[in-house]
């Protein structure tokens, strides 16, 4: 078996802890999710839910009428989810090596910043490339990603983690950085970097959506702790 980088091994080890199981065993939409899924997904769409954890979005989109399959690298998460939700289509797998045919899903999502726990960054790029392969032409990819610009000293977020935010303030002037956040190594990047990286694998940027706080998309997208991105696979 190929030895994992220590950062990725640390992330996977965390997903086996009782604390992680409690954190991921909550079934509700996070800010921005419901509006985007309602806008771009419709009943009957064939959806691939990558890094699905214990099936949070898998369950909610199933209840909205999607034909959905959930995949997560954590066997612990999938085992628990199958016991709780035996009617869902759930499998162990990795988003950088998707075991699905080319152009087989009309919609793909990676919810709640799941792509940011890939390590090294090459695994993240492989995941985006795999999404582009598996999407049908005209299909939609939605994922969220941590925003490195949110570390600016004037950001109103992270008030409950002030010391941690201050230690990372200088990262706001970088285009990307891996940051130890609790027990997980997390990828933070600038919005323009996310768009450039994802378009490089052949997907077309549609829109981004930050937290709605300042009545200005520009400011919201600058300061939001994480941002949702929508991309489309071109028809040709």
Protein backbone atom coordinates (compact mmCIF):
# COMPACT_ATOMS: atom_id res chain seq x y z
CA UNK A 1 0.00 0.00 0.00
CA UNK A 2 1.31 3.44 -0.93
CA UNK A 3 2.41 5.46 2.10
CA UNK A 4 0.29 8.57 2.64
CA UNK A 5 1.75 12.04 3.23
CA UNK A 6 1.68 12.75 7.00
CA UNK A 7 -0.72 15.67 6.52
CA UNK A 8 -3.26 13.51 4.67
CA UNK A 9 -2.77 10.68 7.16
CA UNK A 10 -3.51 13.13 10.00
CA UNK A 11 -6.73 14.24 8.30
CA UNK A 12 -7.89 10.66 7.74
CA UNK A 13 -7.00 9.75 11.32
CA UNK A 14 -9.18 12.61 12.58
CA UNK A 15 -12.17 11.26 10.64
CA UNK A 16 -12.05 8.11 12.79
CA UNK A 17 -12.42 9.99 16.09
CA UNK A 18 -15.65 10.34 18.10
CA UNK A 19 -15.33 14.13 17.78
CA UNK A 20 -15.34 13.94 13.96
CA UNK A 21 -18.26 11.51 13.95
CA UNK A 22 -20.29 13.89 16.12
CA UNK A 23 -19.36 16.87 13.95
CA UNK A 24 -20.36 15.18 10.70
CA UNK A 25 -23.54 13.52 12.01
CA UNK A 26 -25.67 16.65 11.56
CA UNK A 27 -28.14 16.75 8.68
CA UNK A 28 -28.86 20.31 7.58
CA UNK A 29 -27.82 22.68 4.81
CA UNK A 30 -24.97 25.10 5.50
CA UNK A 31 -25.20 28.78 4.40
CA UNK A 32 -25.51 29.12 0.64
CA UNK A 33 -26.12 25.45 -0.11
CA UNK A 34 -29.91 25.29 -0.37
CA UNK A 35 -30.17 28.28 -2.73
CA UNK A 36 -27.47 27.00 -5.08
CA UNK A 37 -28.71 23.41 -5.15
CA UNK A 38 -32.26 24.62 -5.81
CA UNK A 39 -30.97 26.86 -8.60
CA UNK A 40 -28.78 24.33 -10.43
CA UNK A 41 -30.17 20.90 -9.46
CA UNK A 42 -33.61 19.61 -10.34
CA UNK A 43 -35.64 16.55 -9.46
CA UNK A 44 -34.40 13.50 -11.35
CA UNK A 45 -30.84 14.80 -11.90
CA UNK A 46 -28.14 12.14 -11.55
CA UNK A 47 -25.88 13.58 -8.86
CA UNK A 48 -22.50 12.43 -7.55
CA UNK A 49 -21.86 13.59 -3.97
CA UNK A 50 -18.09 13.45 -3.38
CA UNK A 51 -16.53 13.56 0.11
CA UNK A 52 -20.07 13.00 1.37
CA UNK A 53 -19.07 12.23 4.95
CA UNK A 54 -21.98 10.53 6.69
CA UNK A 55 -24.42 11.44 3.94
CA UNK A 56 -25.54 14.90 5.05
CA UNK A 57 -26.07 16.33 1.57
CA UNK A 58 -26.70 12.89 0.10
CA UNK A 59 -29.77 12.50 2.28
CA UNK A 60 -31.06 16.05 1.80
CA UNK A 61 -30.72 15.97 -1.99
CA UNK A 62 -32.26 12.49 -2.09
CA UNK A 63 -35.25 13.96 -0.27
CA UNK A 64 -35.38 16.70 -2.92
CA UNK A 65 -35.80 14.02 -5.61
CA UNK A 66 -32.24 13.62 -6.91
CA UNK A 67 -30.84 10.31 -8.12
CA UNK A 68 -27.78 10.57 -5.93
CA UNK A 69 -24.70 8.51 -5.12
CA UNK A 70 -22.42 9.40 -2.20
CA UNK A 71 -18.70 8.62 -2.04
CA UNK A 72 -16.27 9.23 0.83
CA UNK A 73 -12.76 8.06 1.61
CA UNK A 74 -13.61 7.37 5.26
CA UNK A 75 -14.82 3.82 5.66
CA UNK A 76 -15.95 4.69 9.19
CA UNK A 77 -18.23 7.47 7.92
CA UNK A 78 -19.71 5.29 5.17
CA UNK A 79 -20.28 2.35 7.52
CA UNK A 80 -22.17 4.55 9.99
CA UNK A 81 -24.16 6.24 7.21
CA UNK A 82 -25.19 2.88 5.72
CA UNK A 83 -26.49 1.71 9.10
CA UNK A 84 -28.48 4.90 9.59
CA UNK A 85 -29.57 5.42 5.98
CA UNK A 86 -29.61 1.97 4.32
CA UNK A 87 -31.70 3.20 1.39
CA UNK A 88 -29.00 5.60 0.17
CA UNK A 89 -26.42 4.69 -2.50
CA UNK A 90 -23.17 5.10 -0.52
CA UNK A 91 -19.65 3.86 -1.28
CA UNK A 92 -16.07 4.15 -0.06
CA UNK A 93 -13.89 5.89 -2.62
CA UNK A 94 -11.64 8.85 -3.31
CA UNK A 95 -12.49 11.95 -5.32
CA UNK A 96 -9.10 11.93 -7.04
CA UNK A 97 -9.76 8.45 -8.49
CA UNK A 98 -13.49 8.30 -9.19
CA UNK A 99 -14.59 4.80 -10.19
CA UNK A 100 -17.32 6.01 -12.56
CA UNK A 101 -17.55 6.15 -16.35
CA UNK A 102 -16.81 9.22 -18.42
CA UNK A 103 -19.72 11.67 -18.75
CA UNK A 104 -21.93 9.63 -16.42
CA UNK A 105 -23.34 12.31 -14.05
CA UNK A 106 -25.15 15.54 -14.85
CA UNK A 107 -24.32 17.12 -11.47
CA UNK A 108 -21.39 16.76 -9.04
CA UNK A 109 -20.91 18.39 -5.67
CA UNK A 110 -18.17 18.49 -3.07
CA UNK A 111 -19.89 20.05 -0.10
CA UNK A 112 -18.63 21.99 2.91
CA UNK A 113 -15.06 22.50 1.68
CA UNK A 114 -14.36 18.78 1.36
CA UNK A 115 -11.88 19.38 -1.45
CA UNK A 116 -9.70 21.46 0.89
CA UNK A 117 -8.62 18.38 2.85
CA UNK A 118 -6.87 16.83 -0.14
CA UNK A 119 -3.09 16.72 0.29
CA UNK A 120 -0.82 17.47 -1.45
CA UNK A 121 -2.34 20.07 -3.76
CA UNK A 122 -1.80 17.71 -6.71
CA UNK A 123 -4.53 15.49 -5.23
CA UNK A 124 -6.89 18.48 -5.32
CA UNK A 125 -6.10 19.06 -8.99
CA UNK A 126 -6.61 15.36 -9.72
CA UNK A 127 -10.03 15.58 -8.03
CA UNK A 128 -11.04 18.52 -10.22
CA UNK A 129 -9.79 16.72 -13.31
CA UNK A 130 -11.78 13.62 -12.37
CA UNK A 131 -14.92 15.74 -11.90
CA UNK A 132 -14.44 17.16 -15.38
CA UNK A 133 -14.11 13.63 -16.77
CA UNK A 134 -17.19 12.21 -15.03
CA UNK A 135 -19.46 15.20 -15.77
CA UNK A 136 -21.68 15.12 -18.82
CA UNK A 137 -21.26 18.00 -21.30
CA UNK A 138 -23.38 20.84 -19.96
CA UNK A 139 -23.16 19.35 -16.46
CA UNK A 140 -22.61 21.37 -13.28
CA UNK A 141 -19.98 21.09 -10.55
CA UNK A 142 -20.59 22.90 -7.25
CA UNK A 143 -18.02 22.93 -4.47
CA UNK A 144 -17.00 25.23 -1.65
CA UNK A 145 -13.49 26.17 -0.63
CA UNK A 146 -11.85 28.10 2.21
CA UNK A 147 -10.97 31.69 1.35
CA UNK A 148 -7.43 32.78 2.26
CA UNK A 149 -8.46 36.45 1.86
CA UNK A 150 -10.73 36.08 4.92
CA UNK A 151 -7.63 36.29 7.12
CA UNK A 152 -7.38 40.05 6.48
CA UNK A 153 -7.12 41.95 9.76
CA UNK A 154 -10.38 43.80 9.03
CA UNK A 155 -12.39 40.59 8.52
CA UNK A 156 -15.32 40.29 10.98
CA UNK A 157 -15.06 36.49 11.09
CA UNK A 158 -13.10 34.15 13.42
CA UNK A 159 -13.92 36.22 16.51
CA UNK A 160 -14.04 32.99 18.49
CA UNK A 161 -10.54 32.10 17.24
CA UNK A 162 -8.81 35.46 17.41
CA UNK A 163 -5.34 34.18 18.26
CA UNK A 164 -5.45 31.61 15.46
CA UNK A 165 -6.64 34.26 12.99
CA UNK A 166 -3.90 36.71 14.02
CA UNK A 167 -1.24 34.03 13.55
CA UNK A 168 -2.51 33.53 10.01
CA UNK A 169 -3.17 37.16 9.01
CA UNK A 170 -0.19 37.36 6.66
CA UNK A 171 -1.61 34.45 4.67
CA UNK A 172 -4.29 36.84 3.42
CA UNK A 173 -1.69 38.25 1.05
CA UNK A 174 -0.87 34.85 -0.46
CA UNK A 175 -2.77 33.11 -3.23
CA UNK A 176 -2.84 29.81 -1.29
CA UNK A 177 -1.67 28.17 1.92
CA UNK A 178 -2.09 24.93 3.87
CA UNK A 179 -3.11 25.81 7.42
CA UNK A 180 -3.45 23.59 10.47
CA UNK A 181 -7.05 24.12 11.60
CA UNK A 182 -7.76 22.13 14.72
CA UNK A 183 -6.67 18.59 13.85
CA UNK A 184 -6.86 19.01 10.06
CA UNK A 185 -4.50 20.42 7.44
CA UNK A 186 -6.73 22.69 5.37
CA UNK A 187 -6.16 24.35 2.00
CA UNK A 188 -7.04 28.06 1.84
CA UNK A 189 -6.86 29.92 -1.46
CA UNK A 190 -7.84 33.16 -3.12
CA UNK A 191 -11.05 33.11 -5.21
CA UNK A 192 -9.19 34.01 -8.38
CA UNK A 193 -6.81 31.11 -7.79
CA UNK A 194 -9.71 28.65 -7.40
CA UNK A 195 -11.26 29.84 -10.65
CA UNK A 196 -7.97 29.64 -12.54
CA UNK A 197 -7.17 26.17 -11.17
CA UNK A 198 -10.59 24.76 -11.99
CA UNK A 199 -10.80 26.27 -15.47
CA UNK A 200 -7.39 24.73 -16.19
CA UNK A 201 -8.99 21.24 -16.09
CA UNK A 202 -11.56 22.23 -18.72
CA UNK A 203 -14.52 23.56 -16.72
CA UNK A 204 -16.09 26.99 -17.24
CA UNK A 205 -16.66 29.35 -14.31
CA UNK A 206 -20.32 30.30 -13.81
CA UNK A 207 -20.54 32.09 -10.46
CA UNK A 208 -19.27 32.28 -6.90
CA UNK A 209 -21.29 32.95 -3.77
CA UNK A 210 -19.91 34.07 -0.42
CA UNK A 211 -21.70 34.70 2.86
CA UNK A 212 -24.42 37.32 2.41
CA UNK A 213 -23.49 39.92 5.01
CA UNK A 214 -22.42 43.23 3.47
CA UNK A 215 -24.99 43.77 0.68
CA UNK A 216 -22.06 43.70 -1.75
CA UNK A 217 -21.01 40.57 -3.62
CA UNK A 218 -17.51 41.97 -4.01
CA UNK A 219 -17.00 42.45 -0.26
CA UNK A 220 -18.77 39.21 0.62
CA UNK A 221 -16.55 37.26 -1.78
CA UNK A 222 -13.47 38.97 -0.35
CA UNK A 223 -14.13 38.30 3.32
CA UNK A 224 -16.25 35.12 3.51
CA UNK A 225 -14.49 32.27 5.35
CA UNK A 226 -15.44 30.00 2.50
CA UNK A 227 -17.04 30.49 -0.91
CA UNK A 228 -19.27 28.32 -3.08
CA UNK A 229 -18.21 27.98 -6.72
CA UNK A 230 -20.27 26.85 -9.69
CA UNK A 231 -18.62 25.50 -12.85
CA UNK A 232 -20.03 24.01 -16.04
CA UNK A 233 -18.57 21.46 -18.44
CA UNK A 234 -18.71 22.99 -21.93
CA UNK A 235 -20.85 21.24 -24.55
CA UNK A 236 -17.87 21.10 -26.88
